[in-house]
Amino acid sequence: MRAELKSVDSPDVDFATYWPEDENCFSFPITLRIGAEGHDAADLFQMTVCTQAGSAGKMPARPRYSVKTC
């Protein structure tokens, strides 16, 4: 099987226009849809894009992992 990145989305930012007010301190969630090449089905991978300063106090003490399947 060959994996394919089907989409990258964020409920908080528009990638075409987003620019952080402070380039040294920002964070926003993203969702990656990744699935087998040539098929519609995909798994969702949710993560946060952030600077080190942007993650201060927002990240859980222990990472959480979850995978959702369409």
N, C-alpha and C. Protein backbone atom coordinates (compact mmCIF):
# COMPACT_ATOMS: atom_id res chain seq x y z
N MET A 1 0.83 -1.18 0.00
CA MET A 1 0.00 0.00 0.00
C MET A 1 0.88 1.24 0.00
N ARG A 2 0.48 2.21 -0.78
CA ARG A 2 1.14 3.51 -0.81
C ARG A 2 0.22 4.54 -0.17
N ALA A 3 0.71 5.25 0.83
CA ALA A 3 -0.09 6.26 1.53
C ALA A 3 -0.10 7.57 0.75
N GLU A 4 -1.19 8.30 0.91
CA GLU A 4 -1.35 9.58 0.21
C GLU A 4 -1.93 10.60 1.20
N LEU A 5 -1.34 11.80 1.24
CA LEU A 5 -1.90 12.90 2.02
C LEU A 5 -3.05 13.47 1.23
N LYS A 6 -4.26 13.33 1.75
CA LYS A 6 -5.45 13.74 1.01
C LYS A 6 -5.83 15.18 1.31
N SER A 7 -5.61 15.64 2.54
CA SER A 7 -5.90 17.04 2.87
C SER A 7 -5.24 17.44 4.18
N VAL A 8 -5.08 18.75 4.33
CA VAL A 8 -4.62 19.36 5.57
C VAL A 8 -5.59 20.51 5.84
N ASP A 9 -6.23 20.48 6.99
CA ASP A 9 -7.23 21.48 7.33
C ASP A 9 -7.01 22.00 8.75
N SER A 10 -7.53 23.19 9.01
CA SER A 10 -7.54 23.75 10.35
C SER A 10 -8.85 24.49 10.55
N PRO A 11 -9.50 24.26 11.69
CA PRO A 11 -10.73 25.01 11.95
C PRO A 11 -10.45 26.46 12.35
N ASP A 12 -9.20 26.77 12.69
CA ASP A 12 -8.87 28.10 13.22
C ASP A 12 -8.18 29.04 12.25
N VAL A 13 -7.55 28.51 11.20
CA VAL A 13 -6.80 29.38 10.30
C VAL A 13 -7.10 29.07 8.84
N ASP A 14 -6.98 30.08 8.01
CA ASP A 14 -7.06 29.93 6.56
C ASP A 14 -5.62 29.96 6.06
N PHE A 15 -5.13 28.83 5.58
CA PHE A 15 -3.72 28.73 5.20
C PHE A 15 -3.33 29.72 4.10
N ALA A 16 -4.26 30.14 3.28
CA ALA A 16 -3.95 31.08 2.19
C ALA A 16 -3.64 32.48 2.71
N THR A 17 -4.16 32.82 3.90
CA THR A 17 -4.00 34.20 4.39
C THR A 17 -3.37 34.29 5.77
N TYR A 18 -3.23 33.20 6.49
CA TYR A 18 -2.77 33.26 7.88
C TYR A 18 -1.33 33.69 8.00
N TRP A 19 -1.09 34.61 8.92
CA TRP A 19 0.25 34.98 9.34
C TRP A 19 0.14 35.34 10.81
N PRO A 20 0.91 34.70 11.69
CA PRO A 20 0.76 34.96 13.12
C PRO A 20 1.15 36.39 13.50
N GLU A 21 0.41 36.94 14.47
CA GLU A 21 0.76 38.28 14.95
C GLU A 21 2.15 38.28 15.57
N ASP A 22 2.47 37.23 16.29
CA ASP A 22 3.79 37.08 16.90
C ASP A 22 4.41 35.78 16.35
N GLU A 23 5.40 35.89 15.50
CA GLU A 23 6.01 34.73 14.87
C GLU A 23 6.73 33.81 15.86
N ASN A 24 6.98 34.31 17.07
CA ASN A 24 7.69 33.52 18.08
C ASN A 24 6.75 32.85 19.07
N CYS A 25 5.45 33.15 18.98
CA CYS A 25 4.51 32.59 19.95
C CYS A 25 3.14 32.41 19.29
N PHE A 26 2.87 31.22 18.78
CA PHE A 26 1.57 30.93 18.18
C PHE A 26 1.29 29.44 18.24
N SER A 27 0.03 29.08 18.10
CA SER A 27 -0.36 27.68 18.00
C SER A 27 -1.73 27.60 17.35
N PHE A 28 -1.95 26.52 16.61
CA PHE A 28 -3.26 26.25 16.03
C PHE A 28 -3.35 24.76 15.69
N PRO A 29 -4.58 24.21 15.75
CA PRO A 29 -4.77 22.79 15.46
C PRO A 29 -4.84 22.53 13.96
N ILE A 30 -4.39 21.36 13.54
CA ILE A 30 -4.56 20.92 12.16
C ILE A 30 -5.03 19.47 12.15
N THR A 31 -5.66 19.10 11.06
CA THR A 31 -6.07 17.72 10.84
C THR A 31 -5.53 17.26 9.49
N LEU A 32 -4.80 16.15 9.49
CA LEU A 32 -4.29 15.55 8.26
C LEU A 32 -5.18 14.36 7.92
N ARG A 33 -5.59 14.26 6.67
CA ARG A 33 -6.31 13.07 6.19
C ARG A 33 -5.32 12.28 5.34
N ILE A 34 -5.01 11.06 5.78
CA ILE A 34 -4.04 10.22 5.09
C ILE A 34 -4.68 8.86 4.83
N GLY A 35 -4.56 8.40 3.59
CA GLY A 35 -5.15 7.11 3.25
C GLY A 35 -4.43 6.46 2.10
N ALA A 36 -4.91 5.29 1.72
CA ALA A 36 -4.30 4.54 0.62
C ALA A 36 -4.50 5.29 -0.69
N GLU A 37 -3.46 5.34 -1.47
CA GLU A 37 -3.50 6.00 -2.77
C GLU A 37 -4.59 5.38 -3.64
N GLY A 38 -5.40 6.24 -4.27
CA GLY A 38 -6.44 5.77 -5.16
C GLY A 38 -7.74 5.38 -4.49
N HIS A 39 -7.83 5.55 -3.16
CA HIS A 39 -9.05 5.23 -2.42
C HIS A 39 -9.55 6.47 -1.70
N ASP A 40 -10.87 6.56 -1.46
CA ASP A 40 -11.44 7.71 -0.77
C ASP A 40 -11.25 7.64 0.74
N ALA A 41 -11.20 6.46 1.31
CA ALA A 41 -11.09 6.31 2.76
C ALA A 41 -9.77 6.90 3.27
N ALA A 42 -9.83 7.45 4.49
CA ALA A 42 -8.63 8.04 5.06
C ALA A 42 -8.72 8.01 6.58
N ASP A 43 -7.58 8.04 7.23
CA ASP A 43 -7.50 8.18 8.67
C ASP A 43 -7.23 9.64 8.97
N LEU A 44 -7.74 10.12 10.11
CA LEU A 44 -7.53 11.50 10.54
C LEU A 44 -6.44 11.53 11.60
N PHE A 45 -5.49 12.44 11.43
CA PHE A 45 -4.43 12.65 12.40
C PHE A 45 -4.52 14.10 12.84
N GLN A 46 -4.83 14.32 14.11
CA GLN A 46 -4.99 15.67 14.63
C GLN A 46 -3.79 16.03 15.47
N MET A 47 -3.29 17.25 15.25
CA MET A 47 -2.13 17.72 15.99
C MET A 47 -2.16 19.23 16.10
N THR A 48 -1.24 19.76 16.85
CA THR A 48 -1.12 21.20 17.02
C THR A 48 0.20 21.67 16.43
N VAL A 49 0.13 22.70 15.61
CA VAL A 49 1.33 23.35 15.07
C VAL A 49 1.61 24.53 15.99
N CYS A 50 2.82 24.59 16.53
CA CYS A 50 3.10 25.68 17.48
C CYS A 50 4.60 25.93 17.61
N THR A 51 4.89 27.11 18.12
CA THR A 51 6.25 27.41 18.54
C THR A 51 6.39 26.89 19.97
N GLN A 52 7.60 26.83 20.47
CA GLN A 52 7.81 26.38 21.84
C GLN A 52 7.07 27.31 22.81
N ALA A 53 7.16 28.60 22.60
CA ALA A 53 6.47 29.55 23.47
C ALA A 53 4.96 29.41 23.35
N GLY A 54 4.47 29.10 22.16
CA GLY A 54 3.04 28.95 21.95
C GLY A 54 2.45 27.75 22.63
N SER A 55 3.28 26.75 22.95
CA SER A 55 2.78 25.54 23.59
C SER A 55 2.84 25.62 25.11
N ALA A 56 3.47 26.64 25.65
CA ALA A 56 3.64 26.75 27.10
C ALA A 56 2.29 26.73 27.81
N GLY A 57 2.12 25.77 28.69
CA GLY A 57 0.91 25.68 29.49
C GLY A 57 -0.29 25.10 28.76
N LYS A 58 -0.17 24.79 27.47
CA LYS A 58 -1.30 24.28 26.71
C LYS A 58 -1.23 22.78 26.45
N MET A 59 -0.06 22.20 26.58
CA MET A 59 0.12 20.80 26.25
C MET A 59 -0.11 19.95 27.50
N PRO A 60 -0.75 18.79 27.34
CA PRO A 60 -0.94 17.91 28.49
C PRO A 60 0.39 17.36 28.99
N ALA A 61 0.44 17.01 30.27
CA ALA A 61 1.67 16.48 30.84
C ALA A 61 2.07 15.18 30.15
N ARG A 62 1.10 14.42 29.72
CA ARG A 62 1.35 13.17 29.00
C ARG A 62 0.67 13.26 27.65
N PRO A 63 1.38 13.04 26.55
CA PRO A 63 0.76 13.15 25.23
C PRO A 63 -0.44 12.21 25.08
N ARG A 64 -1.45 12.67 24.34
CA ARG A 64 -2.60 11.85 24.03
C ARG A 64 -2.55 11.50 22.57
N TYR A 65 -2.89 10.28 22.24
CA TYR A 65 -2.90 9.84 20.85
C TYR A 65 -4.28 9.28 20.54
N SER A 66 -4.83 9.66 19.41
CA SER A 66 -6.08 9.05 18.98
C SER A 66 -6.11 9.04 17.46
N VAL A 67 -6.69 8.01 16.92
CA VAL A 67 -6.81 7.88 15.48
C VAL A 67 -8.28 7.64 15.17
N LYS A 68 -8.82 8.42 14.24
CA LYS A 68 -10.22 8.25 13.83
C LYS A 68 -10.24 7.85 12.38
N THR A 69 -11.08 6.92 12.02
CA THR A 69 -11.16 6.43 10.66
C THR A 69 -12.47 6.90 10.02
N CYS A 70 -12.38 7.42 8.79
CA CYS A 70 -13.58 7.85 8.06
C CYS A 70 -14.33 6.65 7.56
